[in-house]
Protein backbone atom coordinates (compact mmCIF):
# COMPACT_ATOMS: atom_id res chain seq x y z
CA MET A 1 -23.85 -24.07 -16.55
CA LYS A 2 -24.85 -20.90 -18.40
CA ARG A 3 -24.88 -18.79 -15.26
CA ILE A 4 -21.50 -20.00 -14.08
CA PHE A 5 -19.98 -18.90 -17.41
CA ILE A 6 -21.63 -15.48 -17.06
CA LEU A 7 -20.31 -15.29 -13.51
CA LEU A 8 -16.77 -16.10 -14.58
CA LEU A 9 -17.00 -13.58 -17.42
CA ILE A 10 -17.92 -10.88 -14.91
CA PHE A 11 -14.96 -11.93 -12.79
CA GLU A 12 -12.67 -11.56 -15.81
CA ILE A 13 -13.97 -8.11 -16.73
CA THR A 14 -13.85 -6.68 -13.23
CA CYS A 15 -10.86 -8.42 -11.72
CA ALA A 16 -8.41 -9.48 -14.39
CA GLN A 17 -6.95 -5.98 -14.38
CA ASP A 18 -5.95 -6.38 -10.72
CA PHE A 19 -8.06 -3.76 -8.94
CA HIS A 20 -9.00 -1.40 -11.70
CA LEU A 21 -8.69 2.28 -10.69
CA SER A 22 -9.64 5.47 -12.51
CA LEU A 23 -7.15 7.62 -10.56
CA TYR A 24 -4.60 5.05 -11.65
CA ASP A 25 -1.33 6.96 -11.19
CA PHE A 26 -2.35 8.24 -7.76
CA ALA A 27 -1.63 4.67 -6.61
CA PRO A 28 1.83 4.39 -8.21
CA LEU A 29 2.76 0.87 -7.07
CA HIS A 30 -0.49 -0.38 -8.58
CA LEU A 31 0.29 1.26 -11.93
CA ASN A 32 3.93 0.27 -12.35
CA PRO A 33 6.34 -1.57 -10.01
CA ALA A 34 9.12 0.72 -11.32
CA MET A 35 7.48 3.72 -9.63
CA ILE A 36 8.61 2.49 -6.23
CA GLY A 37 10.81 5.16 -4.67
CA VAL A 38 10.24 7.63 -7.53
CA MET A 39 9.28 10.57 -5.33
CA ASP A 40 10.66 13.72 -3.73
CA SER A 41 10.76 12.20 -0.25
CA LYS A 42 12.20 9.24 1.60
CA ILE A 43 8.86 7.68 2.63
CA ARG A 44 5.48 7.47 0.89
CA VAL A 45 2.30 6.06 2.42
CA HIS A 46 -0.83 5.81 0.28
CA GLY A 47 -4.43 4.75 0.90
CA HIS A 48 -7.14 4.29 -1.77
CA TYR A 49 -10.83 3.36 -1.84
CA ARG A 50 -13.20 2.76 -4.79
CA ASN A 51 -16.93 1.94 -4.78
CA GLN A 52 -18.39 0.88 -8.14
CA TRP A 53 -21.82 -0.09 -9.55
CA ASN A 54 -23.76 0.99 -6.48
CA SER A 55 -26.56 1.94 -8.88
CA VAL A 56 -26.99 -1.52 -10.46
CA ALA A 57 -25.62 -4.13 -8.04
CA THR A 58 -27.21 -5.36 -4.83
CA LYS A 59 -23.68 -5.45 -3.46
CA PRO A 60 -21.43 -2.82 -5.06
CA PHE A 61 -17.88 -3.64 -6.05
CA GLN A 62 -15.40 -2.28 -3.50
CA THR A 63 -11.64 -1.88 -3.79
CA MET A 64 -9.33 -0.96 -0.92
CA LEU A 65 -5.60 -0.46 -1.32
CA ALA A 66 -2.72 0.60 0.94
CA SER A 67 0.96 0.92 0.04
CA LEU A 68 4.26 1.95 1.58
CA ASP A 69 7.57 2.58 -0.17
CA LEU A 70 10.94 3.72 1.14
CA GLN A 71 13.98 5.16 -0.61
CA SER A 72 17.06 3.33 0.60
CA VAL A 73 20.79 3.77 0.03
CA LYS A 74 22.73 3.07 -3.17
CA ARG A 75 19.76 3.71 -5.48
CA TRP A 76 17.56 0.94 -4.05
CA SER A 77 13.95 1.32 -2.91
CA PHE A 78 11.72 -1.13 -1.06
CA GLY A 79 8.06 -1.33 -0.14
CA GLY A 80 4.83 -3.26 -0.24
CA GLN A 81 1.16 -3.10 -1.16
CA LEU A 82 -2.02 -4.60 0.32
CA CYS A 83 -5.20 -4.84 -1.78
CA ASN A 84 -8.67 -6.18 -1.13
CA MET A 85 -11.56 -6.27 -3.58
CA ARG A 86 -15.06 -7.62 -3.13
CA ALA A 87 -17.52 -7.99 -5.99
CA GLY A 88 -21.12 -9.11 -6.30
CA ALA A 89 -23.70 -11.19 -4.49
CA GLY A 90 -21.45 -14.25 -4.29
CA ASN A 91 -19.00 -12.36 -2.08
CA TYR A 92 -16.22 -12.88 -4.61
CA ASN A 93 -13.15 -11.55 -2.82
CA VAL A 94 -9.51 -11.04 -3.75
CA ALA A 95 -6.91 -10.30 -1.06
CA GLN A 96 -3.41 -9.54 -2.29
CA PHE A 97 -0.06 -8.83 -0.65
CA LEU A 98 2.93 -7.71 -2.69
CA PHE A 99 6.52 -7.00 -1.66
CA ALA A 100 8.34 -4.64 -4.03
CA ALA A 101 11.93 -3.63 -4.77
CA GLY A 102 13.25 -1.08 -7.25
CA TYR A 103 16.54 0.22 -8.60
CA PHE A 104 17.26 3.69 -10.00
CA ILE A 105 19.80 4.41 -12.77
CA PRO A 106 20.68 8.00 -13.81
CA LEU A 107 21.57 8.11 -17.52
CA ASP A 108 23.69 11.25 -17.21
CA LYS A 109 25.76 13.04 -14.56
CA THR A 110 23.11 15.68 -13.91
CA ARG A 111 20.38 13.04 -13.34
CA THR A 112 18.23 14.66 -16.00
CA HIS A 113 17.45 11.41 -17.83
CA ASN A 114 16.59 8.54 -15.50
CA LEU A 115 15.57 4.88 -15.59
CA SER A 116 13.84 3.00 -12.81
CA PHE A 117 13.23 -0.75 -12.59
CA GLY A 118 10.79 -2.47 -10.23
CA LEU A 119 9.80 -6.02 -9.29
CA GLN A 120 6.79 -7.13 -7.25
CA ALA A 121 6.20 -10.60 -5.82
CA GLY A 122 3.53 -11.85 -3.49
CA LEU A 123 0.37 -13.88 -3.01
CA ASN A 124 -3.29 -13.72 -4.03
CA GLN A 125 -6.12 -15.30 -2.08
CA LYS A 126 -9.40 -15.58 -3.99
CA ARG A 127 -12.63 -16.92 -2.56
CA VAL A 128 -16.31 -17.13 -3.38
CA SER A 129 -19.45 -18.23 -1.48
CA PRO A 130 -21.29 -20.66 -3.82
CA LYS A 131 -24.31 -20.91 -1.49
CA LEU A 132 -25.11 -17.26 -2.16
CA LEU A 133 -25.29 -17.80 -5.95
CA THR A 134 -28.20 -19.05 -8.04
CA PHE A 135 -28.09 -21.11 -11.27
CA ASP A 136 -30.43 -22.13 -14.09
CA SER A 137 -30.98 -25.55 -12.53
CA GLN A 138 -32.48 -23.88 -9.43
CA TRP A 139 -35.26 -22.09 -11.32
CA THR A 140 -38.78 -23.26 -10.46
CA THR A 141 -42.11 -22.19 -11.90
CA SER A 142 -43.86 -22.37 -8.52
CA GLU A 143 -45.24 -19.15 -7.06
CA GLY A 144 -45.00 -17.48 -10.44
CA GLY A 145 -41.36 -18.42 -10.96
CA LYS A 146 -38.35 -18.04 -8.67
CA PHE A 147 -34.92 -19.40 -7.81
CA ASP A 148 -34.99 -22.04 -5.08
CA THR A 149 -31.55 -22.39 -3.46
CA SER A 150 -32.61 -25.65 -1.77
CA ILE A 151 -32.47 -27.34 -5.22
CA PRO A 152 -28.98 -28.73 -6.04
CA ASN A 153 -27.23 -26.37 -8.46
CA GLY A 154 -25.34 -29.11 -10.31
CA GLU A 155 -22.05 -27.20 -10.08
CA ASN A 156 -18.82 -28.51 -8.56
CA PHE A 157 -17.02 -25.77 -6.64
CA SER A 158 -14.07 -27.94 -5.71
CA ASN A 159 -11.97 -24.96 -4.64
CA PRO A 160 -14.06 -22.10 -3.16
CA ILE A 161 -10.80 -20.69 -1.76
CA ILE A 162 -7.67 -20.60 -3.92
CA PHE A 163 -4.15 -19.19 -3.58
CA HIS A 164 -1.65 -18.35 -6.28
CA GLU A 165 1.61 -16.44 -6.66
CA VAL A 166 1.88 -12.96 -8.17
CA VAL A 167 4.96 -11.66 -10.02
CA ASN A 168 5.01 -8.24 -11.76
CA PHE A 169 7.76 -6.17 -13.40
CA GLY A 170 8.02 -2.57 -14.58
CA LEU A 171 10.30 -0.09 -16.32
CA LEU A 172 10.03 3.70 -16.12
CA TYR A 173 11.88 6.52 -17.90
CA TYR A 174 11.46 10.13 -16.76
CA TYR A 175 13.07 13.50 -17.47
CA GLY A 176 13.71 14.95 -14.03
CA LYS A 177 15.33 18.33 -14.64
CA GLN A 178 13.94 20.89 -12.23
CA GLN A 179 12.36 24.07 -13.66
CA SER A 180 12.26 22.56 -17.14
CA ARG A 181 9.38 23.62 -19.37
CA VAL A 182 8.58 20.01 -20.31
CA ASN A 183 9.16 16.84 -18.26
CA PRO A 184 8.17 13.70 -20.25
CA PHE A 185 7.81 10.20 -18.81
CA LEU A 186 7.21 6.72 -20.20
CA GLY A 187 6.34 3.51 -18.34
CA ILE A 188 5.90 -0.15 -19.32
CA SER A 189 4.74 -2.81 -16.88
CA ALA A 190 3.85 -6.51 -17.09
CA PHE A 191 1.64 -8.32 -14.59
CA ASN A 192 0.99 -12.02 -13.93
CA LEU A 193 4.38 -13.01 -15.34
CA THR A 194 4.05 -16.62 -14.15
CA GLN A 195 0.46 -16.91 -15.50
CA PRO A 196 -0.65 -18.93 -12.45
CA LYS A 197 -3.47 -21.46 -12.49
CA GLU A 198 -6.73 -20.25 -10.95
CA SER A 199 -10.08 -22.00 -10.91
CA PHE A 200 -12.93 -22.49 -8.45
CA VAL A 201 -14.20 -25.52 -10.40
CA GLY A 202 -11.02 -27.52 -10.90
CA SER A 203 -10.29 -26.47 -14.49
CA GLN A 204 -6.85 -25.66 -15.90
CA ASN A 205 -7.55 -21.96 -16.35
CA ARG A 206 -4.50 -19.67 -16.21
CA LEU A 207 -4.44 -15.96 -15.40
CA PRO A 208 -3.26 -14.24 -18.63
CA LEU A 209 -0.36 -11.85 -18.90
CA ARG A 210 -1.46 -8.22 -18.64
CA LEU A 211 0.51 -5.29 -20.08
CA TYR A 212 0.39 -1.57 -19.23
CA PHE A 213 1.85 1.25 -21.32
CA ASN A 214 1.63 4.79 -19.95
CA VAL A 215 3.14 7.96 -21.40
CA GLY A 216 2.79 11.66 -20.74
CA SER A 217 4.54 14.89 -19.87
CA ARG A 218 4.32 17.61 -17.32
CA VAL A 219 4.09 20.96 -19.13
CA ASN A 220 4.97 23.94 -16.96
CA VAL A 221 3.10 26.98 -18.28
CA ASN A 222 4.72 29.21 -15.64
CA GLU A 223 5.90 28.89 -12.06
CA LEU A 224 2.31 28.57 -10.81
CA LEU A 225 0.45 26.52 -13.43
CA TYR A 226 1.14 23.13 -15.01
CA PHE A 227 -0.68 20.56 -17.13
CA ILE A 228 -0.02 16.82 -17.55
CA PRO A 229 -1.52 15.24 -20.69
CA LYS A 230 -1.19 11.44 -20.43
CA VAL A 231 -2.31 8.16 -21.96
CA LEU A 232 -2.70 4.69 -20.45
CA ILE A 233 -3.17 1.58 -22.60
CA MET A 234 -3.90 -1.81 -20.99
CA LYS A 235 -3.89 -5.11 -22.86
CA GLN A 236 -4.82 -8.60 -21.72
CA VAL A 237 -5.28 -11.34 -24.34
CA ASN A 238 -7.59 -9.67 -26.91
CA ASN A 239 -8.94 -7.02 -24.55
CA ILE A 240 -7.53 -3.51 -24.95
CA GLU A 241 -8.52 -0.55 -22.80
CA GLN A 242 -7.43 3.03 -23.46
CA THR A 243 -7.53 5.99 -21.08
CA TYR A 244 -6.80 9.58 -22.11
CA ALA A 245 -6.39 12.20 -19.40
CA LEU A 246 -5.39 15.75 -18.61
CA ASP A 247 -4.24 16.77 -15.14
CA ALA A 248 -3.76 20.36 -13.98
CA GLY A 249 -2.26 22.01 -10.92
CA TYR A 250 -2.22 25.62 -9.75
CA TYR A 251 -0.05 26.88 -6.91
CA PHE A 252 -1.51 29.45 -4.49
CA LYS A 253 1.48 31.30 -3.09
CA SER A 254 -0.28 32.93 -0.16
CA GLU A 255 -1.73 29.65 1.14
CA LYS A 256 1.25 27.57 -0.08
CA PHE A 257 -0.75 24.72 -1.62
CA TYR A 258 -1.55 23.24 -5.03
CA LEU A 259 -5.12 22.94 -6.26
CA LEU A 260 -5.36 19.80 -8.40
CA ALA A 261 -7.96 18.84 -11.02
CA GLY A 262 -8.28 16.43 -13.90
CA LEU A 263 -10.46 14.90 -16.59
CA LEU A 264 -10.17 11.33 -17.93
CA TYR A 265 -11.88 9.47 -20.75
CA ARG A 266 -11.83 5.66 -20.74
CA ASN A 267 -12.68 4.48 -24.24
CA GLN A 268 -16.38 3.54 -24.60
CA ASP A 269 -16.66 3.10 -20.83
CA ALA A 270 -16.54 6.21 -18.63
CA GLY A 271 -15.75 9.86 -18.24
CA VAL A 272 -14.00 10.75 -15.00
CA GLY A 273 -13.44 14.01 -13.17
CA TYR A 274 -11.49 14.67 -10.00
CA LEU A 275 -10.44 17.43 -7.63
CA GLY A 276 -7.67 17.47 -5.07
CA PHE A 277 -4.91 19.39 -3.35
CA LYS A 278 -1.27 19.15 -2.33
CA LYS A 279 -0.36 20.79 0.96
CA ASP A 280 2.94 20.27 2.77
CA SER A 281 3.40 16.47 2.92
CA TYR A 282 -0.17 15.55 1.95
CA LEU A 283 -1.85 14.86 -1.38
CA PHE A 284 -5.59 14.24 -1.66
CA LYS A 285 -7.83 13.40 -4.63
CA ILE A 286 -11.52 12.56 -4.97
CA GLY A 287 -13.11 11.52 -8.26
CA TYR A 288 -16.28 10.19 -9.85
CA ASP A 289 -16.87 7.97 -12.91
CA VAL A 290 -19.77 8.84 -15.22
CA ASN A 291 -20.77 5.63 -16.98
CA ILE A 292 -21.14 6.06 -20.75
CA SER A 293 -20.99 2.38 -21.77
CA SER A 294 -23.87 0.27 -23.08
CA LEU A 295 -24.93 -0.15 -19.44
CA LYS A 296 -25.91 3.52 -19.11
CA PRO A 297 -29.70 2.96 -19.60
CA VAL A 298 -29.60 0.88 -16.42
CA SER A 299 -26.87 2.72 -14.52
CA ARG A 300 -28.31 6.15 -15.47
CA TYR A 301 -24.73 7.28 -16.03
CA ARG A 302 -23.74 6.50 -12.43
CA GLY A 303 -20.43 4.66 -12.19
CA ALA A 304 -17.90 4.79 -9.37
CA PHE A 305 -16.74 6.93 -6.48
CA GLU A 306 -13.01 7.01 -5.73
CA ILE A 307 -10.86 8.67 -3.08
CA GLY A 308 -7.15 8.59 -2.20
CA LEU A 309 -4.69 10.14 0.27
CA THR A 310 -0.88 10.18 0.19
CA TRP A 311 1.58 11.21 2.89
CA LEU A 312 5.19 12.00 1.98
CA GLY A 313 7.63 11.72 4.87
CA LEU A 314 11.17 13.04 5.25
CA THR A 315 10.71 15.29 2.24
CA LYS A 316 13.93 16.34 0.55
CA LYS A 317 15.00 19.96 0.72
CA ALA A 318 14.08 21.50 -2.61
CA PRO A 319 12.70 24.67 -4.20
CA GLU A 320 9.15 25.46 -3.16
CA LEU A 321 7.84 25.22 -6.73
CA ARG A 322 8.54 21.87 -8.39
CA SER A 323 8.77 20.96 -12.07
CA CYS A 324 9.09 17.23 -11.70
CA PRO A 325 6.59 14.74 -13.17
CA ARG A 326 7.14 12.32 -10.33
CA LEU A 327 4.18 11.63 -8.05
């Protein structure tokens, strides 16, 4: 039984945060349901890929995500998100589909202060391949010691494939005045609102509520250069994770594109750097995690590779240089 508990602990660490990303706000519907439709266009399509622990795992953890959101009439926005994550030798896999809807409320006539609400609902499918796993009961001293998968493992995987509902909610405030020196924003989101039952072994385990709190501000140094200091805090049961980051963008007038860069520090876990660009309707970022946790003697500081691409369609007519914190 010892190995099954270790296995489930790994599942909790790597999956309970619903597809953990370092470039977290580059996938806005993953960060906060209220970010649906918060953009300077009518359509947003985003794709994301992350490969983690390639240095220590025989099968690295992989996350793939795709989302679409549309601004509709009368302040409503709609969209959806598809996620798939695979982790470890047991082919633990999570496939998720979410439908999302959001509503925008301006707090003043000039739409300087704004509130956005968002709700996500959908389905998770989780599965594992027990035959690919080994357990203490399968250890044999023959041939110098090895795991023999032909020996019964003594575990009861009554549900190797499970389904459960997903319900998430978010709230976002942002200061949207164009050409302002400072544009602050604040988001709060709650995931797993129904705390659904999930267990491969027939227990009464429930997926705990998970809370996100993100805050920051775009600071426009001049018409060409901006910085975005920001903080993300995630809490689930007694686990708290903190991420501190600084984004920067510089506009090249002659080529008409933004060069993007950023540094992130995830408390006692990783340092992250990324580069990217914004050109016309396209945004691109590529980043790498440097592992600084207690695993670093084994990982040799190697963590995760991450890449994302966003396309903004039917972009609104606006000044060439923007001062809006929206993604």
